[in-house]
Amino acid sequence: MQKIKSALISLSDKSNLRPLLQELKRHNIKIISSGGTFKTIRKLGYKCLNISDFTGFKEILGGRVKTLHPKIHAGILNKRSNKSHSNDIRKNNFEHIDLVVVNFYPFEKMIEQTKNHSKIIENIDIGGPTMVRAAAKNYNDVTVITSVDHYSELINELKKNRGSTSLKFREKMSRLAFDETAYYDAVISNYFNKFNNINFPKRKILYTNLIESLRYGENPHQMAAFYSQNIKNKLEQIHGKALSYNNYSDIFAALTISKSLPKNTGTVIVKHGNPCGVSALKNSLDSYKSALSSDPISAFGGIVSCNYKISEKLALMLNKIFLEVVIANGFNKKALKILKLKKNLRLIDSSKISFNEVWKFNSVNNFTLIQSEDRKIFSKKDFKIVSKKKPNRLQLDNLIFAFNVCRYTKSNAVVLASNKSTIGIGSGQPSRLDSCEIAVDKMNKFSKTRNEIVAASDAFFPFVDGIEKLVQSGASAIVQPAGSIRDKEIIKFANETNTVLVFSETRHFRH
């Protein structure tokens, strides 16, 4: 046990301070503070010694230097059992500081609020992290608290141990303190890299917040957790049992496609990371019906992402099949009541989710691949018509729609579409021809339409056999990236069969 006789308190977040001050007073613990925290403590009616009076040195540089003083850091860092340290403390007439309660300048909040670089720089805390690191290093003798969330735990510790803290408690708080300083520095590091347009620095430092510990990963023997860098940009679960690792994986796959569709338009159905039905029709009921009809068997037990607010009529339709998750930009009251009849159905409000700067991470062992997300916004300028036959406006719109869905489908990917809705998707095959055959098979099995079928491939066709299969199955227009040594053969085949052929300027694999 380590008795606490003096505490240094320096806070940006001064909330919920009174209960802590009450407990410190109960144990006659001397309080040292500065600036706004000093004023707050005095205003709350508690005795407090100003740091300037404690050190005998007034703060300078407009407050940049106030806690950076030998009396402060010697008081925190000295080992109580070390005779040499004790002699130094005694010779310099210094005092022990047994408790450090500090939270930092709100740097992360500041970069969200302003782009004023000078203002942001002034919110880089120096003294706070320095004191915290010192106290955390000397946890054998000193207790450090870095969050309002830990006040109650400290209060209970002091009550239980009559004004002392246990080594186990101090070790825990030390670990949390180093987590806090590391996170804080990571935010600053990332800000400077972004400010200087450096995406891949020599050392890439990630910072994330634990949102939820999951029961397990992809399989029951794997551990898993869900983290988010920005806790404000979040999924809001409003009903249903807890989400699993696989649920989250499918949710992200579905949202990635949904957010690429026109605002408040489109339905996406995902199973095992791949779309099995997508429709960009403006009417939400027609959109859902079209997406579902693309592959109703695969949709069973899948995830539906609605890029719009769900109505009562749509809720009734959604409840007719078994779904794991329904995502939407909100639910009206009646729709919510209907969907909640299924107690395990997970309902997610994604209206607060935005995909602005997205990076993709893929890690194995201690190796990590990082790339920017494929979020290119397609326009007609990104495509080149290479066949003699030109697409009409409807064909070109459908080709771009199909190509957009294709890039979010695991490669090799082929998508058949009609009326801005998928009617056949072939995904994740080693052979592009196999993907064509699966897409065609799905279309023949489920689709009742044969109006203006278009096809999209996520990469070029290396041989004529793939495009031949699509044309024989009714595709009147095809889009693929350019780049094959046999592009001329593909173009020749398209012209011979009076097929519209469009080349994309960019390739869009998704592995």
Protein backbone atom coordinates (compact mmCIF):
# COMPACT_ATOMS: atom_id res chain seq x y z
CA MET A 1 0.00 0.00 0.00
CA GLN A 2 1.12 3.55 -0.74
CA LYS A 3 -0.33 6.38 1.36
CA ILE A 4 -1.39 9.44 -0.61
CA LYS A 5 -0.52 12.70 1.11
CA SER A 6 -0.41 15.10 -1.83
CA ALA A 7 -2.12 15.26 -5.22
CA LEU A 8 -1.43 17.30 -8.32
CA ILE A 9 -4.56 17.97 -10.40
CA SER A 10 -4.45 19.56 -13.87
CA LEU A 11 -7.48 19.09 -16.09
CA SER A 12 -8.93 20.17 -19.40
CA ASP A 13 -12.09 18.17 -18.72
CA LYS A 14 -13.17 19.42 -15.29
CA SER A 15 -16.45 17.50 -15.14
CA ASN A 16 -17.49 15.33 -12.19
CA LEU A 17 -14.67 16.69 -10.02
CA ARG A 18 -16.59 17.28 -6.78
CA PRO A 19 -16.88 13.62 -5.63
CA LEU A 20 -13.13 13.18 -6.07
CA LEU A 21 -12.35 16.37 -4.15
CA GLN A 22 -14.65 15.24 -1.34
CA GLU A 23 -12.73 11.97 -1.00
CA LEU A 24 -9.34 13.71 -1.09
CA LYS A 25 -10.48 16.09 1.64
CA ARG A 26 -11.72 13.19 3.74
CA HIS A 27 -8.19 11.79 3.80
CA ASN A 28 -6.52 15.20 4.32
CA ILE A 29 -4.73 15.01 0.98
CA LYS A 30 -2.98 18.22 -0.05
CA ILE A 31 -4.06 19.46 -3.49
CA ILE A 32 -1.79 21.32 -5.90
CA SER A 33 -3.15 22.79 -9.13
CA SER A 34 -2.89 25.60 -11.65
CA GLY A 35 -4.81 27.79 -14.07
CA GLY A 36 -8.43 26.93 -14.75
CA THR A 37 -8.32 23.77 -12.64
CA PHE A 38 -7.09 25.77 -9.63
CA LYS A 39 -9.96 28.23 -10.06
CA THR A 40 -12.51 25.43 -10.43
CA ILE A 41 -11.33 23.64 -7.29
CA ARG A 42 -11.46 26.86 -5.28
CA LYS A 43 -14.88 27.71 -6.72
CA LEU A 44 -16.16 24.30 -5.59
CA GLY A 45 -15.09 25.27 -2.07
CA TYR A 46 -11.94 23.19 -1.58
CA LYS A 47 -8.48 24.23 -0.47
CA CYS A 48 -5.84 24.16 -3.19
CA LEU A 49 -2.25 25.38 -3.55
CA ASN A 50 -1.36 27.12 -6.80
CA ILE A 51 1.53 25.47 -8.64
CA SER A 52 3.35 28.81 -8.88
CA ASP A 53 3.28 29.07 -5.07
CA PHE A 54 4.33 25.43 -4.76
CA THR A 55 7.34 25.78 -7.08
CA GLY A 56 8.12 29.42 -6.30
CA PHE A 57 8.22 30.05 -10.05
CA LYS A 58 5.51 31.85 -11.99
CA GLU A 59 4.24 30.34 -15.22
CA ILE A 60 5.78 31.87 -18.34
CA LEU A 61 5.37 31.93 -22.12
CA GLY A 62 1.65 32.49 -21.85
CA GLY A 63 1.16 29.30 -19.87
CA ARG A 64 3.34 27.06 -22.06
CA VAL A 65 5.65 26.53 -19.07
CA LYS A 66 4.05 26.04 -15.67
CA THR A 67 4.36 22.39 -14.60
CA LEU A 68 7.74 21.80 -16.28
CA HIS A 69 9.71 22.36 -13.06
CA PRO A 70 12.22 20.17 -11.13
CA LYS A 71 10.15 20.40 -7.96
CA ILE A 72 7.16 18.91 -9.79
CA HIS A 73 8.98 16.13 -11.61
CA ALA A 74 11.33 15.24 -8.79
CA GLY A 75 8.30 15.03 -6.52
CA ILE A 76 6.69 12.56 -8.94
CA LEU A 77 9.71 10.58 -10.16
CA ASN A 78 11.68 9.94 -6.96
CA LYS A 79 11.81 6.37 -5.71
CA ARG A 80 10.74 6.45 -2.09
CA SER A 81 12.98 3.51 -1.19
CA ASN A 82 16.08 4.90 -2.92
CA LYS A 83 18.40 6.64 -0.42
CA SER A 84 20.09 8.75 -3.10
CA HIS A 85 16.70 9.96 -4.34
CA SER A 86 15.62 10.74 -0.77
CA ASN A 87 18.80 12.73 -0.17
CA ASP A 88 18.22 14.78 -3.35
CA ILE A 89 14.63 15.51 -2.32
CA ARG A 90 15.74 16.56 1.16
CA LYS A 91 18.69 18.71 -0.02
CA ASN A 92 16.51 20.61 -2.50
CA ASN A 93 13.64 20.98 -0.03
CA PHE A 94 11.29 19.18 -2.42
CA GLU A 95 8.14 17.22 -1.56
CA HIS A 96 6.66 13.92 -2.67
CA ILE A 97 3.73 14.06 -5.08
CA ASP A 98 1.78 10.82 -4.58
CA LEU A 99 -1.18 11.28 -6.92
CA VAL A 100 -1.30 12.83 -10.39
CA VAL A 101 -4.74 13.49 -11.87
CA VAL A 102 -4.36 14.86 -15.40
CA ASN A 103 -6.25 14.87 -18.67
CA PHE A 104 -4.90 16.54 -21.77
CA TYR A 105 -5.69 19.54 -23.94
CA PRO A 106 -8.48 18.45 -26.34
CA PHE A 107 -6.27 18.12 -29.42
CA GLU A 108 -8.49 15.55 -31.15
CA LYS A 109 -11.59 17.68 -30.62
CA MET A 110 -9.76 20.75 -31.88
CA ILE A 111 -8.79 19.19 -35.24
CA GLU A 112 -12.48 18.33 -35.72
CA GLN A 113 -13.55 21.90 -34.97
CA THR A 114 -11.05 24.00 -36.89
CA LYS A 115 -8.48 23.98 -39.67
CA ASN A 116 -6.55 26.85 -38.06
CA HIS A 117 -3.09 25.30 -37.78
CA SER A 118 -1.81 27.77 -35.17
CA LYS A 119 -4.81 27.15 -32.94
CA ILE A 120 -4.39 23.40 -33.32
CA ILE A 121 -0.69 23.59 -32.39
CA GLU A 122 -1.50 25.48 -29.20
CA ASN A 123 -3.68 22.53 -28.18
CA ILE A 124 -0.75 20.12 -28.12
CA ASP A 125 -0.34 19.40 -24.42
CA ILE A 126 3.26 19.23 -23.20
CA GLY A 127 3.14 19.46 -19.41
CA GLY A 128 0.20 17.07 -19.01
CA PRO A 129 1.66 14.07 -20.88
CA THR A 130 5.07 14.73 -19.27
CA MET A 131 3.62 14.49 -15.76
CA VAL A 132 1.52 11.47 -16.70
CA ARG A 133 4.48 9.59 -18.15
CA ALA A 134 6.55 10.39 -15.07
CA ALA A 135 3.85 9.18 -12.70
CA ALA A 136 3.13 6.08 -14.81
CA LYS A 137 6.83 5.20 -14.87
CA ASN A 138 7.01 5.51 -11.08
CA TYR A 139 3.83 3.53 -10.44
CA ASN A 140 5.53 1.67 -7.61
CA ASP A 141 5.13 4.85 -5.53
CA VAL A 142 2.75 7.12 -7.45
CA THR A 143 -0.87 6.82 -8.58
CA VAL A 144 -1.85 8.34 -11.93
CA ILE A 145 -5.38 9.02 -13.17
CA THR A 146 -5.93 10.15 -16.79
CA SER A 147 -9.70 10.02 -17.27
CA VAL A 148 -12.89 11.16 -15.55
CA ASP A 149 -14.05 7.57 -16.09
CA HIS A 150 -11.51 6.38 -13.50
CA TYR A 151 -12.53 8.74 -10.68
CA SER A 152 -15.02 6.34 -9.13
CA GLU A 153 -12.44 3.54 -9.15
CA LEU A 154 -9.92 5.79 -7.37
CA ILE A 155 -12.54 6.91 -4.84
CA ASN A 156 -13.39 3.27 -4.05
CA GLU A 157 -9.69 2.43 -3.74
CA LEU A 158 -9.11 5.28 -1.27
CA LYS A 159 -12.18 4.34 0.75
CA LYS A 160 -11.23 0.68 0.87
CA ASN A 161 -7.60 1.34 1.83
CA ARG A 162 -8.04 4.39 4.10
CA GLY A 163 -6.35 6.90 1.81
CA SER A 164 -3.85 4.48 0.25
CA THR A 165 -3.68 2.68 -3.09
CA SER A 166 -2.56 -0.87 -3.82
CA LEU A 167 0.26 -1.78 -6.17
CA LYS A 168 -2.19 -3.70 -8.35
CA PHE A 169 -4.34 -0.57 -8.74
CA ARG A 170 -1.34 1.63 -9.51
CA GLU A 171 -0.07 -0.85 -12.12
CA LYS A 172 -3.47 -0.83 -13.83
CA MET A 173 -3.65 2.98 -13.86
CA SER A 174 -0.09 3.13 -15.19
CA ARG A 175 -0.99 0.88 -18.11
CA LEU A 176 -4.04 3.00 -18.89
CA ALA A 177 -1.94 6.15 -18.65
CA PHE A 178 0.58 4.91 -21.20
CA ASP A 179 -2.34 3.93 -23.44
CA GLU A 180 -3.56 7.51 -23.14
CA THR A 181 -0.22 9.16 -23.96
CA ALA A 182 0.38 6.78 -26.87
CA TYR A 183 -3.09 7.49 -28.27
CA TYR A 184 -2.61 11.24 -27.83
CA ASP A 185 0.75 11.22 -29.60
CA ALA A 186 -0.66 9.04 -32.39
CA VAL A 187 -3.42 11.58 -33.07
CA ILE A 188 -0.81 14.36 -33.25
CA SER A 189 1.48 12.29 -35.48
CA ASN A 190 -1.34 11.52 -37.89
CA TYR A 191 -2.40 15.16 -37.95
CA PHE A 192 1.09 16.31 -38.96
CA ASN A 193 1.34 13.63 -41.65
CA LYS A 194 -2.03 14.67 -43.03
CA PHE A 195 -1.08 18.36 -42.83
CA ASN A 196 2.01 17.58 -44.93
CA ASN A 197 0.14 15.23 -47.32
CA ILE A 198 2.17 12.20 -46.25
CA ASN A 199 0.07 9.04 -46.48
CA PHE A 200 2.79 6.48 -45.86
CA PRO A 201 5.33 7.79 -43.32
CA LYS A 202 8.29 5.73 -42.13
CA ARG A 203 6.31 4.82 -39.02
CA LYS A 204 2.56 4.44 -39.41
CA ILE A 205 0.90 4.89 -36.02
CA LEU A 206 -2.74 3.87 -35.66
CA TYR A 207 -5.14 5.05 -32.98
CA THR A 208 -8.52 3.49 -32.36
CA ASN A 209 -11.10 3.23 -29.60
CA LEU A 210 -12.58 -0.03 -28.37
CA ILE A 211 -16.27 -0.04 -29.21
CA GLU A 212 -17.11 -3.62 -28.34
CA SER A 213 -15.43 -6.87 -27.32
CA LEU A 214 -16.92 -9.60 -29.50
CA ARG A 215 -17.79 -13.13 -28.41
CA TYR A 216 -15.37 -14.52 -31.00
CA GLY A 217 -13.99 -13.91 -34.49
CA GLU A 218 -14.84 -15.59 -37.79
CA ASN A 219 -14.86 -18.89 -35.87
CA PRO A 220 -15.51 -19.69 -32.18
CA HIS A 221 -11.83 -20.41 -31.43
CA GLN A 222 -10.74 -16.93 -32.59
CA MET A 223 -10.67 -13.82 -30.39
CA ALA A 224 -12.07 -10.55 -31.75
CA ALA A 225 -13.01 -6.96 -30.92
CA PHE A 226 -14.50 -4.00 -32.77
CA TYR A 227 -12.61 -0.69 -32.79
CA SER A 228 -13.28 2.69 -34.36
CA GLN A 229 -10.98 5.63 -34.95
CA ASN A 230 -13.80 8.14 -34.77
CA ILE A 231 -16.37 7.28 -32.12
CA LYS A 232 -18.75 9.94 -33.47
CA ASN A 233 -18.83 8.33 -36.91
CA LYS A 234 -20.57 5.22 -35.67
CA LEU A 235 -23.10 2.52 -36.29
CA GLU A 236 -26.09 2.80 -33.99
CA GLN A 237 -27.67 -0.54 -33.17
CA ILE A 238 -31.25 0.07 -32.09
CA HIS A 239 -32.52 -3.50 -31.80
CA GLY A 240 -31.52 -7.16 -31.83
CA LYS A 241 -28.87 -9.41 -30.36
CA ALA A 242 -25.20 -8.46 -30.26
CA LEU A 243 -23.35 -8.20 -33.55
CA SER A 244 -20.72 -10.79 -34.40
CA TYR A 245 -17.40 -10.38 -36.19
CA ASN A 246 -18.94 -11.78 -39.38
CA ASN A 247 -21.94 -9.45 -39.04
CA TYR A 248 -19.63 -6.44 -38.88
CA SER A 249 -17.66 -7.69 -41.85
CA ASP A 250 -20.83 -7.99 -43.94
CA ILE A 251 -22.17 -4.66 -42.66
CA PHE A 252 -19.04 -2.89 -43.87
CA ALA A 253 -19.26 -4.64 -47.24
CA ALA A 254 -22.91 -3.58 -47.60
CA LEU A 255 -22.33 0.01 -46.46
CA THR A 256 -19.38 0.44 -48.82
CA ILE A 257 -21.70 -0.26 -51.74
CA SER A 258 -24.66 1.68 -50.31
CA LYS A 259 -22.61 4.83 -49.77
CA SER A 260 -21.43 4.68 -53.40
CA LEU A 261 -25.03 4.90 -54.68
CA PRO A 262 -26.94 8.18 -55.19
CA LYS A 263 -28.01 9.88 -51.97
CA ASN A 264 -31.06 8.26 -50.29
CA THR A 265 -31.31 5.76 -53.14
CA GLY A 266 -30.60 2.06 -53.49
CA THR A 267 -30.82 -1.31 -51.76
CA VAL A 268 -27.90 -3.68 -51.22
CA ILE A 269 -28.11 -7.29 -50.06
CA VAL A 270 -24.86 -8.92 -48.93
CA LYS A 271 -23.96 -12.47 -47.97
CA HIS A 272 -20.48 -13.51 -46.88
CA GLY A 273 -18.92 -10.22 -47.95
CA ASN A 274 -20.31 -10.27 -51.49
CA PRO A 275 -23.37 -8.55 -52.92
CA CYS A 276 -26.06 -10.94 -54.07
CA GLY A 277 -28.47 -8.19 -55.06
CA VAL A 278 -28.19 -4.45 -55.68
CA SER A 279 -30.70 -1.99 -57.08
CA ALA A 280 -30.46 1.77 -57.55
CA LEU A 281 -34.13 2.34 -58.39
CA LYS A 282 -35.47 5.52 -56.76
CA ASN A 283 -38.66 3.94 -55.40
CA SER A 284 -37.61 2.11 -52.22
CA LEU A 285 -40.13 -0.73 -52.56
CA ASP A 286 -39.18 -1.38 -56.20
CA SER A 287 -35.52 -1.11 -55.25
CA TYR A 288 -35.82 -3.76 -52.52
CA LYS A 289 -37.90 -6.09 -54.72
CA SER A 290 -35.37 -5.85 -57.54
CA ALA A 291 -32.38 -6.42 -55.25
CA LEU A 292 -34.06 -9.45 -53.65
CA SER A 293 -35.09 -10.98 -56.99
CA SER A 294 -31.44 -10.96 -58.13
CA ASP A 295 -30.74 -13.96 -55.87
CA PRO A 296 -33.46 -14.66 -53.27
CA ILE A 297 -31.81 -17.89 -52.11
CA SER A 298 -28.50 -16.23 -51.21
CA ALA A 299 -30.39 -13.34 -49.56
CA PHE A 300 -31.73 -15.78 -46.93
CA GLY A 301 -29.77 -15.07 -43.74
CA GLY A 302 -28.07 -12.10 -45.35
CA ILE A 303 -27.76 -8.40 -44.62
CA VAL A 304 -29.93 -5.73 -46.24
CA SER A 305 -28.62 -2.18 -46.45
CA CYS A 306 -31.16 0.47 -47.42
CA ASN A 307 -29.65 3.79 -48.44
CA TYR A 308 -32.86 5.53 -47.33
CA LYS A 309 -35.35 5.62 -44.47
CA ILE A 310 -37.39 2.44 -44.09
CA SER A 311 -41.18 2.77 -44.35
CA GLU A 312 -43.95 0.66 -42.85
CA LYS A 313 -44.67 -1.07 -46.19
CA LEU A 314 -41.03 -2.02 -46.67
CA ALA A 315 -40.76 -3.27 -43.08
CA LEU A 316 -43.62 -5.71 -43.75
CA MET A 317 -41.78 -6.99 -46.82
CA LEU A 318 -38.48 -7.33 -44.95
CA ASN A 319 -40.13 -9.41 -42.24
CA LYS A 320 -41.18 -12.04 -44.77
CA ILE A 321 -37.69 -13.55 -44.99
CA PHE A 322 -34.98 -14.41 -42.48
CA LEU A 323 -32.35 -11.69 -42.28
CA GLU A 324 -29.44 -11.23 -39.90
CA VAL A 325 -29.21 -7.44 -40.12
CA VAL A 326 -31.18 -4.55 -41.60
CA ILE A 327 -29.30 -1.28 -42.10
CA ALA A 328 -31.01 1.98 -43.01
CA ASN A 329 -30.76 5.75 -42.91
CA GLY A 330 -33.38 5.69 -40.18
CA PHE A 331 -36.69 3.90 -39.59
CA ASN A 332 -40.12 5.45 -39.20
CA LYS A 333 -41.97 4.56 -35.99
CA LYS A 334 -44.36 2.03 -37.50
CA ALA A 335 -41.57 0.35 -39.45
CA LEU A 336 -39.51 0.04 -36.29
CA LYS A 337 -42.41 -1.50 -34.40
CA ILE A 338 -42.91 -4.09 -37.16
CA LEU A 339 -39.25 -5.02 -37.45
CA LYS A 340 -38.86 -5.31 -33.68
CA LEU A 341 -41.35 -8.19 -33.72
CA LYS A 342 -38.31 -10.30 -34.61
CA LYS A 343 -36.37 -10.10 -31.35
CA ASN A 344 -33.04 -11.26 -32.80
CA LEU A 345 -33.11 -9.13 -35.94
CA ARG A 346 -30.35 -6.56 -35.67
CA LEU A 347 -31.41 -3.08 -36.75
CA ILE A 348 -28.69 -0.56 -37.56
CA ASP A 349 -29.12 3.17 -38.14
CA SER A 350 -26.30 4.23 -40.46
CA SER A 351 -27.44 7.82 -40.98
CA LYS A 352 -24.46 9.13 -38.98
CA ILE A 353 -21.93 7.08 -40.95
CA SER A 354 -19.84 8.90 -43.53
CA PHE A 355 -17.07 7.46 -45.70
CA ASN A 356 -14.81 10.44 -46.30
CA GLU A 357 -11.23 9.33 -45.80
CA VAL A 358 -11.14 5.57 -45.85
CA TRP A 359 -8.08 3.37 -45.61
CA LYS A 360 -8.11 -0.38 -45.98
CA PHE A 361 -5.88 -2.56 -43.81
CA ASN A 362 -4.96 -6.18 -44.38
CA SER A 363 -2.64 -7.77 -41.86
CA VAL A 364 -1.03 -11.18 -41.47
CA ASN A 365 1.23 -11.92 -38.50
CA ASN A 366 3.32 -8.72 -38.09
CA PHE A 367 2.90 -7.60 -41.71
CA THR A 368 0.33 -4.99 -42.74
CA LEU A 369 -0.86 -3.84 -46.15
CA ILE A 370 -2.44 -0.38 -46.30
CA GLN A 371 -4.19 1.21 -49.23
CA SER A 372 -6.77 3.89 -49.90
CA GLU A 373 -10.29 2.60 -50.45
CA ASP A 374 -11.55 2.36 -54.03
CA ARG A 375 -13.99 5.24 -53.82
CA LYS A 376 -13.55 6.76 -57.25
CA ILE A 377 -16.74 8.47 -58.34
CA PHE A 378 -17.50 7.34 -61.88
CA SER A 379 -18.57 9.70 -64.61
CA LYS A 380 -19.06 9.10 -68.32
CA LYS A 381 -15.64 10.66 -68.94
CA ASP A 382 -14.03 7.63 -67.25
CA PHE A 383 -15.26 5.31 -70.00
CA LYS A 384 -14.37 4.95 -73.66
CA ILE A 385 -16.70 3.46 -76.25
CA VAL A 386 -14.55 1.16 -78.42
CA SER A 387 -17.18 -0.72 -80.44
CA LYS A 388 -18.79 0.44 -83.65
CA LYS A 389 -22.20 0.24 -82.02
CA LYS A 390 -22.73 3.07 -79.54
CA PRO A 391 -24.69 2.67 -76.30
CA ASN A 392 -27.89 4.59 -75.80
CA ARG A 393 -28.24 6.67 -72.63
CA LEU A 394 -30.02 3.90 -70.70
CA GLN A 395 -27.38 1.32 -71.65
CA LEU A 396 -24.52 3.58 -70.56
CA ASP A 397 -26.21 4.35 -67.23
CA ASN A 398 -26.74 0.63 -66.63
CA LEU A 399 -23.16 -0.17 -67.59
CA ILE A 400 -21.81 2.35 -65.09
CA PHE A 401 -24.17 1.00 -62.41
CA ALA A 402 -23.05 -2.59 -63.08
CA PHE A 403 -19.38 -1.61 -63.10
CA ASN A 404 -19.80 0.16 -59.76
CA VAL A 405 -21.32 -2.96 -58.17
CA CYS A 406 -18.62 -5.08 -59.80
CA ARG A 407 -15.77 -3.22 -58.09
CA TYR A 408 -17.21 -4.07 -54.66
CA THR A 409 -17.57 -7.75 -55.55
CA LYS A 410 -14.67 -10.07 -54.80
CA SER A 411 -12.59 -10.78 -57.89
CA ASN A 412 -12.88 -12.36 -60.33
CA ALA A 413 -16.21 -10.58 -60.59
CA VAL A 414 -18.85 -10.34 -63.31
CA VAL A 415 -22.15 -8.52 -62.88
CA LEU A 416 -25.24 -8.70 -65.10
CA ALA A 417 -27.71 -5.85 -64.76
CA SER A 418 -30.91 -4.46 -66.18
CA ASN A 419 -32.87 -1.34 -65.22
CA LYS A 420 -30.22 -0.27 -62.66
CA SER A 421 -30.60 -3.56 -60.81
CA THR A 422 -28.40 -6.64 -60.72
CA ILE A 423 -29.86 -9.79 -62.26
CA GLY A 424 -26.81 -12.05 -61.91
CA ILE A 425 -23.55 -11.82 -59.95
CA GLY A 426 -20.54 -14.13 -60.27
CA SER A 427 -17.94 -13.51 -57.57
CA GLY A 428 -14.67 -14.71 -56.11
CA GLN A 429 -13.69 -17.20 -58.80
CA PRO A 430 -10.11 -17.99 -59.89
CA SER A 431 -11.36 -18.04 -63.48
CA ARG A 432 -13.15 -15.08 -65.05
CA LEU A 433 -15.02 -17.52 -67.29
CA ASP A 434 -16.34 -19.27 -64.16
CA SER A 435 -17.59 -15.92 -62.85
CA CYS A 436 -19.39 -15.36 -66.18
CA GLU A 437 -21.03 -18.76 -65.98
CA ILE A 438 -22.17 -18.23 -62.37
CA ALA A 439 -23.62 -14.79 -63.18
CA VAL A 440 -25.47 -16.20 -66.19
CA ASP A 441 -26.69 -19.18 -64.18
CA LYS A 442 -28.08 -16.85 -61.48
CA MET A 443 -29.83 -14.77 -64.13
CA ASN A 444 -31.38 -17.79 -65.81
CA LYS A 445 -32.49 -19.17 -62.47
CA PHE A 446 -34.05 -16.07 -60.92
CA SER A 447 -34.51 -13.25 -63.41
CA LYS A 448 -37.74 -12.82 -65.31
CA THR A 449 -36.53 -9.80 -67.26
CA ARG A 450 -34.66 -9.90 -70.53
CA ASN A 451 -34.81 -6.17 -71.23
CA GLU A 452 -31.52 -4.56 -72.21
CA ILE A 453 -29.11 -6.79 -70.31
CA VAL A 454 -25.67 -5.31 -69.69
CA ALA A 455 -22.57 -6.91 -68.20
CA ALA A 456 -19.56 -5.64 -66.27
CA SER A 457 -16.22 -7.24 -65.48
CA ASP A 458 -13.85 -5.94 -62.78
CA ALA A 459 -10.84 -6.53 -65.06
CA PHE A 460 -10.26 -7.14 -68.76
CA PHE A 461 -11.23 -10.39 -70.44
CA PRO A 462 -7.96 -12.19 -71.26
CA PHE A 463 -9.72 -14.30 -73.91
CA VAL A 464 -12.83 -14.01 -76.06
CA ASP A 465 -14.53 -16.95 -74.31
CA GLY A 466 -15.78 -14.84 -71.39
CA ILE A 467 -17.36 -12.08 -73.45
CA GLU A 468 -18.71 -14.71 -75.84
CA LYS A 469 -20.51 -16.42 -72.97
CA LEU A 470 -22.12 -13.12 -71.95
CA VAL A 471 -23.22 -12.20 -75.47
CA GLN A 472 -24.70 -15.67 -76.04
CA SER A 473 -26.66 -15.20 -72.79
CA GLY A 474 -28.28 -11.98 -73.97
CA ALA A 475 -25.91 -9.16 -72.94
CA SER A 476 -26.19 -6.36 -75.48
CA ALA A 477 -23.55 -4.14 -73.87
CA ILE A 478 -20.40 -4.94 -71.89
CA VAL A 479 -17.97 -2.83 -69.87
CA GLN A 480 -14.47 -3.91 -68.88
CA PRO A 481 -11.15 -2.19 -68.11
CA ALA A 482 -8.70 -1.88 -70.98
CA GLY A 483 -5.23 -3.38 -70.89
CA SER A 484 -5.30 -6.89 -72.33
CA ILE A 485 -2.90 -7.83 -75.12
CA ARG A 486 -6.03 -9.25 -76.77
CA ASP A 487 -8.12 -6.05 -76.51
CA LYS A 488 -8.25 -5.89 -80.30
CA GLU A 489 -9.67 -9.43 -80.46
CA ILE A 490 -12.32 -8.51 -77.89
CA ILE A 491 -13.27 -5.38 -79.85
CA LYS A 492 -13.41 -7.40 -83.10
CA PHE A 493 -15.75 -9.95 -81.49
CA ALA A 494 -18.00 -7.17 -80.18
CA ASN A 495 -18.25 -5.63 -83.63
CA GLU A 496 -18.95 -8.98 -85.26
CA THR A 497 -21.82 -9.62 -82.84
CA ASN A 498 -23.15 -6.03 -82.92
CA THR A 499 -22.42 -5.70 -79.19
CA VAL A 500 -21.72 -2.43 -77.40
CA LEU A 501 -18.26 -2.56 -75.82
CA VAL A 502 -17.05 0.08 -73.38
CA PHE A 503 -13.61 0.25 -71.81
CA SER A 504 -12.99 1.72 -68.37
CA GLU A 505 -9.86 3.81 -67.91
CA THR A 506 -9.26 2.12 -64.52
CA ARG A 507 -9.21 -1.43 -63.19
CA HIS A 508 -11.10 -2.34 -60.01
CA PHE A 509 -10.00 -5.59 -58.38
CA ARG A 510 -11.28 -6.42 -54.90
CA HIS A 511 -9.33 -9.26 -53.33
